[in-house]
C-alpha atoms as a PDB file:
ATOM      1  CA  MET A   1      -1.425  -6.543  -8.999  1.00  0.00           C
ATOM      2  CA  ALA A   2      -4.281  -7.944  -6.776  1.00  0.00           C
ATOM      3  CA  ILE A   3      -7.365  -8.216  -8.914  1.00  0.00           C
ATOM      4  CA  GLY A   4      -5.960  -6.259 -11.523  1.00  0.00           C
ATOM      5  CA  HIS A   5      -6.674  -2.856  -9.874  1.00  0.00           C
ATOM      6  CA  TRP A   6      -3.535  -0.982 -10.862  1.00  0.00           C
ATOM      7  CA  GLY A   7      -3.705  -2.285 -14.454  1.00  0.00           C
ATOM      8  CA  ARG A   8      -7.141  -0.838 -14.533  1.00  0.00           C
ATOM      9  CA  CYS A   9      -6.007   2.506 -13.072  1.00  0.00           C
ATOM     10  CA  LEU A  10      -3.202   2.679 -15.680  1.00  0.00           C
ATOM     11  CA  ALA A  11      -5.236   1.486 -19.002  1.00  0.00           C
ATOM     12  CA  PRO A  12      -6.930   4.569 -19.695  1.00  0.00           C
ATOM     13  CA  PHE A  13      -3.546   6.190 -20.160  1.00  0.00           C
ATOM     14  CA  LEU A  14      -1.797   3.641 -22.014  1.00  0.00           C
ATOM     15  CA  PRO A  15      -2.139   3.036 -25.866  1.00  0.00           C
ATOM     16  CA  ALA A  16      -5.061   0.622 -26.805  1.00  0.00           C
ATOM     17  CA  SER A  17      -2.394  -1.756 -28.566  1.00  0.00           C
ATOM     18  CA  CYS A  18      -0.326  -2.050 -25.346  1.00  0.00           C
ATOM     19  CA  ALA A  19      -0.027  -5.381 -23.812  1.00  0.00           C
ATOM     20  CA  MET A  20      -0.287  -5.694 -20.657  1.00  0.00           C
ATOM     21  CA  THR A  21       1.392  -8.416 -17.971  1.00  0.00           C
ATOM     22  CA  GLY A  22       0.257  -8.774 -14.265  1.00  0.00           C
ATOM     23  CA  ILE A  23       2.041 -10.739 -11.723  1.00  0.00           C
ATOM     24  CA  ASP A  24       0.984 -11.924  -8.405  1.00  0.00           C
ATOM     25  CA  ARG A  25       2.246 -14.441  -5.843  1.00  0.00           C
ATOM     26  CA  GLU A  26      -1.110 -15.431  -4.726  1.00  0.00           C
ATOM     27  CA  PRO A  27      -2.778 -17.854  -7.147  1.00  0.00           C
ATOM     28  CA  ARG A  28      -6.221 -16.656  -6.230  1.00  0.00           C
ATOM     29  CA  TRP A  29      -5.595 -13.087  -7.237  1.00  0.00           C
ATOM     30  CA  VAL A  30      -3.951 -14.112 -10.432  1.00  0.00           C
ATOM     31  CA  GLU A  31      -7.107 -15.947 -11.288  1.00  0.00           C
ATOM     32  CA  GLU A  32      -9.399 -13.083  -9.982  1.00  0.00           C
ATOM     33  CA  SER A  33      -7.444 -10.786 -12.028  1.00  0.00           C
ATOM     34  CA  ARG A  34      -7.817 -12.925 -15.250  1.00  0.00           C
ATOM     35  CA  LYS A  35     -11.770 -12.713 -14.620  1.00  0.00           C
ATOM     36  CA  ARG A  36     -11.609  -9.132 -14.591  1.00  0.00           C
ATOM     37  CA  SER A  37      -9.092  -8.475 -17.443  1.00  0.00           C
ATOM     38  CA  GLY A  38     -12.223  -7.364 -19.655  1.00  0.00           C
ATOM     39  CA  ALA A  39     -11.751  -3.926 -18.026  1.00  0.00           C
ATOM     40  CA  LEU A  40      -8.488  -3.487 -19.547  1.00  0.00           C
ATOM     41  CA  GLY A  41      -9.865  -3.090 -23.144  1.00  0.00           C
ATOM     42  CA  ASN A  42      -9.167  -5.312 -25.990  1.00  0.00           C
ATOM     43  CA  ARG A  43      -5.529  -5.066 -25.950  1.00  0.00           C
ATOM     44  CA  PRO A  44      -3.220  -8.283 -25.106  1.00  0.00           C
ATOM     45  CA  VAL A  45      -3.391  -9.044 -21.371  1.00  0.00           C
ATOM     46  CA  SER A  46      -1.885 -11.914 -19.053  1.00  0.00           C
ATOM     47  CA  PHE A  47      -1.582 -12.594 -15.582  1.00  0.00           C
ATOM     48  CA  VAL A  48       0.723 -15.039 -14.360  1.00  0.00           C
ATOM     49  CA  HIS A  49       1.658 -16.352 -10.741  1.00  0.00           C
ATOM     50  CA  GLY A  50       5.241 -15.345  -9.459  1.00  0.00           C
ATOM     51  CA  ASP A  51       7.316 -13.544  -7.100  1.00  0.00           C
ATOM     52  CA  ALA A  52       8.623  -9.874  -7.065  1.00  0.00           C
ATOM     53  CA  GLY A  53      12.170 -11.256  -5.859  1.00  0.00           C
ATOM     54  CA  ALA A  54      12.437 -13.631  -8.819  1.00  0.00           C
ATOM     55  CA  LEU A  55      10.295 -12.445 -11.835  1.00  0.00           C
ATOM     56  CA  PRO A  56       9.659 -15.208 -14.345  1.00  0.00           C
ATOM     57  CA  PHE A  57      10.702 -13.060 -17.378  1.00  0.00           C
ATOM     58  CA  ALA A  58      13.605 -12.735 -19.693  1.00  0.00           C
ATOM     59  CA  ASP A  59      15.907  -9.481 -19.422  1.00  0.00           C
ATOM     60  CA  ALA A  60      14.753  -6.511 -21.079  1.00  0.00           C
ATOM     61  CA  SER A  61      11.315  -7.876 -21.553  1.00  0.00           C
ATOM     62  CA  PHE A  62       9.190  -4.606 -21.035  1.00  0.00           C
ATOM     63  CA  ASP A  63       9.091  -1.020 -21.845  1.00  0.00           C
ATOM     64  CA  MET A  64       7.355  -0.054 -18.641  1.00  0.00           C
ATOM     65  CA  VAL A  65       7.541  -2.005 -15.170  1.00  0.00           C
ATOM     66  CA  THR A  66       5.240  -0.845 -12.555  1.00  0.00           C
ATOM     67  CA  CYS A  67       3.901  -1.687  -8.907  1.00  0.00           C
ATOM     68  CA  GLN A  68       1.644  -0.200  -6.375  1.00  0.00           C
ATOM     69  CA  THR A  69       1.922  -0.641  -2.730  1.00  0.00           C
ATOM     70  CA  VAL A  70       4.215  -3.911  -3.071  1.00  0.00           C
ATOM     71  CA  LEU A  71       7.575  -2.816  -1.652  1.00  0.00           C
ATOM     72  CA  ILE A  72       5.990  -2.110   1.863  1.00  0.00           C
ATOM     73  CA  HIS A  73       5.341  -5.863   2.260  1.00  0.00           C
ATOM     74  CA  LEU A  74       8.707  -7.207   1.042  1.00  0.00           C
ATOM     75  CA  HIS A  75      11.958  -8.230   3.411  1.00  0.00           C
ATOM     76  CA  ASP A  76      14.108  -6.323   0.822  1.00  0.00           C
ATOM     77  CA  PRO A  77      12.578  -4.265  -1.716  1.00  0.00           C
ATOM     78  CA  ARG A  78      15.873  -3.747  -3.216  1.00  0.00           C
ATOM     79  CA  VAL A  79      15.914  -7.175  -4.374  1.00  0.00           C
ATOM     80  CA  ALA A  80      12.699  -6.787  -6.003  1.00  0.00           C
ATOM     81  CA  LEU A  81      13.551  -3.475  -7.575  1.00  0.00           C
ATOM     82  CA  ALA A  82      16.834  -4.845  -9.047  1.00  0.00           C
ATOM     83  CA  GLU A  83      14.668  -7.783 -10.871  1.00  0.00           C
ATOM     84  CA  MET A  84      12.289  -4.915 -12.239  1.00  0.00           C
ATOM     85  CA  ILE A  85      15.210  -2.946 -13.669  1.00  0.00           C
ATOM     86  CA  ARG A  86      16.382  -6.600 -15.078  1.00  0.00           C
ATOM     87  CA  VAL A  87      13.300  -6.897 -17.155  1.00  0.00           C
ATOM     88  CA  LEU A  88      13.335  -3.339 -18.239  1.00  0.00           C
ATOM     89  CA  ARG A  89      14.675  -2.672 -21.785  1.00  0.00           C
ATOM     90  CA  SER A  90      17.239  -0.008 -22.011  1.00  0.00           C
ATOM     91  CA  GLY A  91      15.781   3.478 -21.563  1.00  0.00           C
ATOM     92  CA  GLY A  92      12.480   1.661 -19.985  1.00  0.00           C
ATOM     93  CA  LEU A  93      10.272   3.453 -17.417  1.00  0.00           C
ATOM     94  CA  LEU A  94      10.044   2.031 -13.857  1.00  0.00           C
ATOM     95  CA  VAL A  95       7.209   3.301 -11.951  1.00  0.00           C
ATOM     96  CA  LEU A  96       6.259   2.848  -8.173  1.00  0.00           C
ATOM     97  CA  VAL A  97       3.617   3.909  -6.041  1.00  0.00           C
ATOM     98  CA  GLU A  98       4.175   3.111  -2.271  1.00  0.00           C
ATOM     99  CA  PRO A  99       2.751   4.843   0.816  1.00  0.00           C
ATOM    100  CA  ASN A 100       4.076   6.610   4.196  1.00  0.00           C
ATOM    101  CA  ASN A 101       1.086   4.649   6.212  1.00  0.00           C
ATOM    102  CA  THR A 102       2.970   5.885   9.670  1.00  0.00           C
ATOM    103  CA  LEU A 103       2.147   9.527   9.041  1.00  0.00           C
ATOM    104  CA  ALA A 104      -1.246   8.820   6.850  1.00  0.00           C
ATOM    105  CA  ASN A 105      -2.465   6.738  10.258  1.00  0.00           C
ATOM    106  CA  PHE A 106      -1.670   9.928  12.337  1.00  0.00           C
ATOM    107  CA  SER A 107      -3.772  12.077   9.850  1.00  0.00           C
ATOM    108  CA  ASN A 108      -7.029  10.760  10.843  1.00  0.00           C
ATOM    109  CA  VAL A 109      -6.750  10.822  14.753  1.00  0.00           C
ATOM    110  CA  ILE A 110      -9.640  12.496  16.661  1.00  0.00           C
ATOM    111  CA  LEU A 111      -8.043  15.399  18.369  1.00  0.00           C
ATOM    112  CA  LYS A 112     -10.413  15.977  20.978  1.00  0.00           C
ATOM    113  CA  LYS A 113      -9.410  12.830  22.586  1.00  0.00           C
ATOM    114  CA  PRO A 114      -6.832  13.205  25.688  1.00  0.00           C
ATOM    115  CA  VAL A 115      -3.536  13.751  24.830  1.00  0.00           C
ATOM    116  CA  ARG A 116      -2.223  10.769  26.579  1.00  0.00           C
ATOM    117  CA  GLU A 117      -4.728   8.446  24.917  1.00  0.00           C
ATOM    118  CA  LEU A 118      -3.790   9.993  21.554  1.00  0.00           C
ATOM    119  CA  VAL A 119       0.088   9.358  22.612  1.00  0.00           C
ATOM    120  CA  ASP A 120      -0.597   5.780  23.599  1.00  0.00           C
ATOM    121  CA  LEU A 121      -2.140   4.835  20.171  1.00  0.00           C
ATOM    122  CA  ILE A 122       0.389   6.536  18.388  1.00  0.00           C
ATOM    123  CA  GLU A 123       3.090   4.542  20.515  1.00  0.00           C
ATOM    124  CA  PHE A 124       1.181   1.409  19.897  1.00  0.00           C
ATOM    125  CA  GLN A 125       1.259   1.563  16.389  1.00  0.00           C
ATOM    126  CA  MET A 126       4.991   2.627  16.215  1.00  0.00           C
ATOM    127  CA  PHE A 127       5.977  -0.425  18.179  1.00  0.00           C
ATOM    128  CA  CYS A 128       3.923  -2.567  15.914  1.00  0.00           C
ATOM    129  CA  GLU A 129       5.309  -0.819  12.713  1.00  0.00           C
ATOM    130  CA  ARG A 130       8.958  -1.391  13.928  1.00  0.00           C
ATOM    131  CA  GLY A 131       8.228  -4.762  14.915  1.00  0.00           C
ATOM    132  CA  LYS A 132       6.903  -5.574  11.397  1.00  0.00           C
ATOM    133  CA  MET A 133      10.110  -4.358   9.981  1.00  0.00           C
ATOM    134  CA  ASN A 134      12.318  -6.043  12.433  1.00  0.00           C
ATOM    135  CA  LEU A 135      10.866  -9.320  11.627  1.00  0.00           C
ATOM    136  CA  GLY A 136      11.363  -8.621   8.047  1.00  0.00           C
ATOM    137  CA  GLU A 137       7.954  -8.576   7.158  1.00  0.00           C
ATOM    138  CA  GLY A 138       8.096  -5.127   5.529  1.00  0.00           C
ATOM    139  CA  PHE A 139       8.407  -1.460   6.183  1.00  0.00           C
ATOM    140  CA  ASP A 140       4.976   0.485   6.029  1.00  0.00           C
ATOM    141  CA  SER A 141       6.574   3.637   5.010  1.00  0.00           C
ATOM    142  CA  ALA A 142       8.764   2.467   2.497  1.00  0.00           C
ATOM    143  CA  GLY A 143       7.187   5.129  -0.053  1.00  0.00           C
ATOM    144  CA  SER A 144       9.700   7.924   1.659  1.00  0.00           C
ATOM    145  CA  LEU A 145      12.790   5.840   0.685  1.00  0.00           C
ATOM    146  CA  VAL A 146      11.780   4.586  -2.644  1.00  0.00           C
ATOM    147  CA  ALA A 147      13.534   7.604  -4.536  1.00  0.00           C
ATOM    148  CA  GLY A 148      16.907   6.960  -2.691  1.00  0.00           C
ATOM    149  CA  TRP A 149      16.679   3.186  -3.640  1.00  0.00           C
ATOM    150  CA  LEU A 150      16.218   4.240  -7.505  1.00  0.00           C
ATOM    151  CA  ALA A 151      19.308   6.604  -7.193  1.00  0.00           C
ATOM    152  CA  GLU A 152      21.357   3.840  -5.706  1.00  0.00           C
ATOM    153  CA  LEU A 153      20.476   1.347  -8.499  1.00  0.00           C
ATOM    154  CA  GLN A 154      21.462   4.097 -10.887  1.00  0.00           C
ATOM    155  CA  LEU A 155      18.327   4.834 -12.409  1.00  0.00           C
ATOM    156  CA  GLU A 156      17.945   8.175 -14.516  1.00  0.00           C
ATOM    157  CA  GLY A 157      15.638  11.074 -14.572  1.00  0.00           C
ATOM    158  CA  ILE A 158      14.278  10.193 -11.088  1.00  0.00           C
ATOM    159  CA  GLU A 159      11.106  12.010 -10.191  1.00  0.00           C
ATOM    160  CA  SER A 160       8.712  11.770  -7.223  1.00  0.00           C
ATOM    161  CA  TYR A 161       5.172  13.315  -6.714  1.00  0.00           C
ATOM    162  CA  LEU A 162       2.983  13.354  -3.759  1.00  0.00           C
ATOM    163  CA  CYS A 163      -0.694  12.145  -4.111  1.00  0.00           C
ATOM    164  CA  ASP A 164      -2.960  15.179  -3.405  1.00  0.00           C
ATOM    165  CA  LYS A 165      -6.153  13.311  -3.191  1.00  0.00           C
ATOM    166  CA  THR A 166      -7.746  13.395   0.366  1.00  0.00           C
ATOM    167  CA  ILE A 167     -10.325  10.912   2.179  1.00  0.00           C
ATOM    168  CA  MET A 168     -13.537  13.134   3.030  1.00  0.00           C
ATOM    169  CA  LEU A 169     -15.870  11.832   5.583  1.00  0.00           C
ATOM    170  CA  PHE A 170     -18.857  14.291   6.257  1.00  0.00           C
ATOM    171  CA  PRO A 171     -22.929  13.629   6.706  1.00  0.00           C
ATOM    172  CA  PRO A 172     -24.438  12.155   4.771  1.00  0.00           C
ATOM    173  CA  TYR A 173     -21.344   9.963   3.856  1.00  0.00           C
ATOM    174  CA  ALA A 174     -23.141   9.464   0.443  1.00  0.00           C
ATOM    175  CA  SER A 175     -20.069   9.206  -1.885  1.00  0.00           C
ATOM    176  CA  ALA A 176     -18.917   5.956  -3.269  1.00  0.00           C
ATOM    177  CA  HIS A 177     -15.643   6.439  -1.729  1.00  0.00           C
ATOM    178  CA  ALA A 178     -17.076   7.267   1.873  1.00  0.00           C
ATOM    179  CA  LYS A 179     -19.751   4.185   1.529  1.00  0.00           C
ATOM    180  CA  ALA A 180     -16.760   1.920   0.371  1.00  0.00           C
ATOM    181  CA  LEU A 181     -14.332   3.161   3.254  1.00  0.00           C
ATOM    182  CA  ILE A 182     -17.173   2.870   5.815  1.00  0.00           C
ATOM    183  CA  GLY A 183     -18.250  -0.736   4.674  1.00  0.00           C
ATOM    184  CA  ASP A 184     -14.478  -1.968   4.869  1.00  0.00           C
ATOM    185  CA  SER A 185     -14.154  -0.293   8.370  1.00  0.00           C
ATOM    186  CA  ARG A 186     -17.382  -2.215   9.659  1.00  0.00           C
ATOM    187  CA  GLU A 187     -16.190  -5.454   8.202  1.00  0.00           C
ATOM    188  CA  MET A 188     -12.674  -5.158   9.910  1.00  0.00           C
ATOM    189  CA  SER A 189     -14.481  -3.949  13.483  1.00  0.00           C
ATOM    190  CA  SER A 190     -16.918  -7.133  13.210  1.00  0.00           C
ATOM    191  CA  ARG A 191     -13.685  -9.284  13.177  1.00  0.00           C
ATOM    192  CA  ASN A 192     -11.856  -7.350  15.645  1.00  0.00           C
ATOM    193  CA  PHE A 193      -9.315  -6.265  13.229  1.00  0.00           C
ATOM    194  CA  TRP A 194      -7.319  -3.181  13.734  1.00  0.00           C
ATOM    195  CA  ARG A 195      -4.270  -2.316  11.166  1.00  0.00           C
ATOM    196  CA  TRP A 196      -3.752  -6.342  11.476  1.00  0.00           C
ATOM    197  CA  ASP A 197      -5.400  -8.961  13.181  1.00  0.00           C
ATOM    198  CA  ARG A 198      -4.633  -9.680  17.122  1.00  0.00           C
ATOM    199  CA  LYS A 199      -1.879 -12.369  16.455  1.00  0.00           C
ATOM    200  CA  ASP A 200      -0.138 -10.424  14.112  1.00  0.00           C
ATOM    201  CA  SER A 201      -0.418  -7.227  16.192  1.00  0.00           C
ATOM    202  CA  LEU A 202       1.138  -9.174  19.281  1.00  0.00           C
ATOM    203  CA  ARG A 203       4.018 -10.077  17.478  1.00  0.00           C
ATOM    204  CA  PHE A 204       4.690  -6.979  15.761  1.00  0.00           C
ATOM    205  CA  PHE A 205       4.375  -5.231  19.314  1.00  0.00           C
ATOM    206  CA  VAL A 206       6.926  -7.331  21.039  1.00  0.00           C
ATOM    207  CA  ALA A 207       9.302  -7.491  18.237  1.00  0.00           C
ATOM    208  CA  GLY A 208       9.183  -3.886  18.135  1.00  0.00           C
ATOM    209  CA  GLY A 209      10.098  -3.346  21.841  1.00  0.00           C
ATOM    210  CA  GLY A 210       6.656  -3.213  23.203  1.00  0.00           C
ATOM    211  CA  ASP A 211       5.986  -4.864  26.793  1.00  0.00           C
ATOM    212  CA  ALA A 212       3.992  -7.837  26.211  1.00  0.00           C
ATOM    213  CA  ALA A 213       2.150  -7.129  29.673  1.00  0.00           C
ATOM    214  CA  ALA A 214       0.849  -3.896  28.050  1.00  0.00           C
ATOM    215  CA  PHE A 215      -0.159  -5.426  24.912  1.00  0.00           C
ATOM    216  CA  GLU A 216      -3.733  -5.996  25.977  1.00  0.00           C
ATOM    217  CA  ARG A 217      -4.431  -2.824  27.321  1.00  0.00           C
ATOM    218  CA  CYS A 218      -2.993  -1.225  23.975  1.00  0.00           C
ATOM    219  CA  TRP A 219      -5.001  -3.528  21.662  1.00  0.00           C
ATOM    220  CA  THR A 220      -8.271  -2.750  23.607  1.00  0.00           C
ATOM    221  CA  ASN A 221      -7.648   1.140  23.257  1.00  0.00           C
ATOM    222  CA  ALA A 222      -7.116   0.605  19.531  1.00  0.00           C
ATOM    223  CA  LEU A 223     -10.083  -1.369  19.000  1.00  0.00           C
ATOM    224  CA  ALA A 224     -11.994   1.012  21.064  1.00  0.00           C
ATOM    225  CA  SER A 225     -10.551   4.194  18.933  1.00  0.00           C
ATOM    226  CA  GLU A 226     -12.007   2.293  15.761  1.00  0.00           C
ATOM    227  CA  LYS A 227     -15.398   1.717  17.407  1.00  0.00           C
ATOM    228  CA  GLU A 228     -15.674   5.273  18.329  1.00  0.00           C
ATOM    229  CA  TRP A 229     -14.878   6.389  14.884  1.00  0.00           C
ATOM    230  CA  LEU A 230     -17.949   4.214  13.662  1.00  0.00           C
ATOM    231  CA  GLU A 231     -20.101   5.419  16.187  1.00  0.00           C
ATOM    232  CA  GLY A 232     -19.553   8.882  15.276  1.00  0.00           C
ATOM    233  CA  ILE A 233     -20.697   7.877  11.890  1.00  0.00           C
ATOM    234  CA  ASP A 234     -23.887   6.361  13.217  1.00  0.00           C
ATOM    235  CA  ARG A 235     -24.628   9.377  14.920  1.00  0.00           C
ATOM    236  CA  GLN A 236     -23.936  11.546  11.771  1.00  0.00           C
ATOM    237  CA  ASN A 237     -21.522  13.768  13.459  1.00  0.00           C
ATOM    238  CA  LEU A 238     -18.216  12.664  12.341  1.00  0.00           C
ATOM    239  CA  ASN A 239     -16.490  15.126  10.202  1.00  0.00           C
ATOM    240  CA  ILE A 240     -13.016  14.652   8.841  1.00  0.00           C
ATOM    241  CA  THR A 241     -10.783  14.985   6.036  1.00  0.00           C
ATOM    242  CA  TYR A 242      -7.432  13.157   6.047  1.00  0.00           C
ATOM    243  CA  GLY A 243      -4.589  12.336   3.633  1.00  0.00           C
ATOM    244  CA  THR A 244      -3.219   9.232   2.032  1.00  0.00           C
ATOM    245  CA  ILE A 245       0.492  10.144   1.970  1.00  0.00           C
ATOM    246  CA  MET A 246       1.252   8.174  -1.202  1.00  0.00           C
ATOM    247  CA  TYR A 247       4.404   8.653  -3.443  1.00  0.00           C
ATOM    248  CA  LEU A 248       4.546   8.120  -7.211  1.00  0.00           C
ATOM    249  CA  VAL A 249       8.321   7.612  -8.241  1.00  0.00           C
ATOM    250  CA  SER A 250       9.726   6.933 -11.468  1.00  0.00           C
ATOM    251  CA  GLY A 251      12.964   6.637 -13.129  1.00  0.00           C
ATOM    252  CA  ARG A 252      14.309   5.303 -16.375  1.00  0.00           C
ATOM    253  CA  LYS A 253      17.069   2.335 -16.924  1.00  0.00           C
ATOM    254  CA  LYS A 254      20.217   3.808 -18.527  1.00  0.00           C
ATOM    255  CA  GLY A 255      20.397   3.707 -22.319  1.00  0.00           C
ATOM    256  CA  THR A 256      17.773   4.559 -25.018  1.00  0.00           C
ATOM    257  CA  LEU A 257      14.382   2.593 -25.523  1.00  0.00           C
ATOM    258  CA  ASN A 258      14.162   1.048 -29.135  1.00  0.00           C
END
């Protein structure tokens, strides 16, 4: 629940009396979330330090358990899911929001590029994502698997929805969303940061079966592609709409919620 973002998104849809508890494995984000807790209303709110694979709560503690873009970072998401189910009361609701980043990242490519260049970019990303998974550091497209995991864990009434929100970028890039996205992109570009930094990208690339000797060329091409994207914005001629490929999946623990 980094800086309480997901809690703030949910708060308007929950009863004002509903108590909320957030958890994060990074003490820094726990503290930041506490500072911003006023945005959650006057309801009882707490933030604690802990790990998704060993939640510091008693069995059957909550009516609802939820997370956003957490499972994609875990070595074994099923362990965390089992913990979430453990702390749910009978009949309680589990709500998970996870992406398919592989498809999402392909949706914003600039198709006027030479086909070989596009294929190289896609191949580079696939090697890196596979390597990240091989190293046990998460699977960036876990969203596509969540419903099946809930079925394996015997939840009931499983439902899945696909986010219909798109990201629109067109001159003069005046929307708050566009400004935030462009600001983030500029900041990452200034640090030569792609999907990951250079060190992690190299680790993932090699672990995913990529040729270490080809990494420098692939890395340079990936950074150049990101720079070209920003240059299009500076010229006021980039016009693209792409999707986020985000799944919201829910299910209930067997039993009746009292």
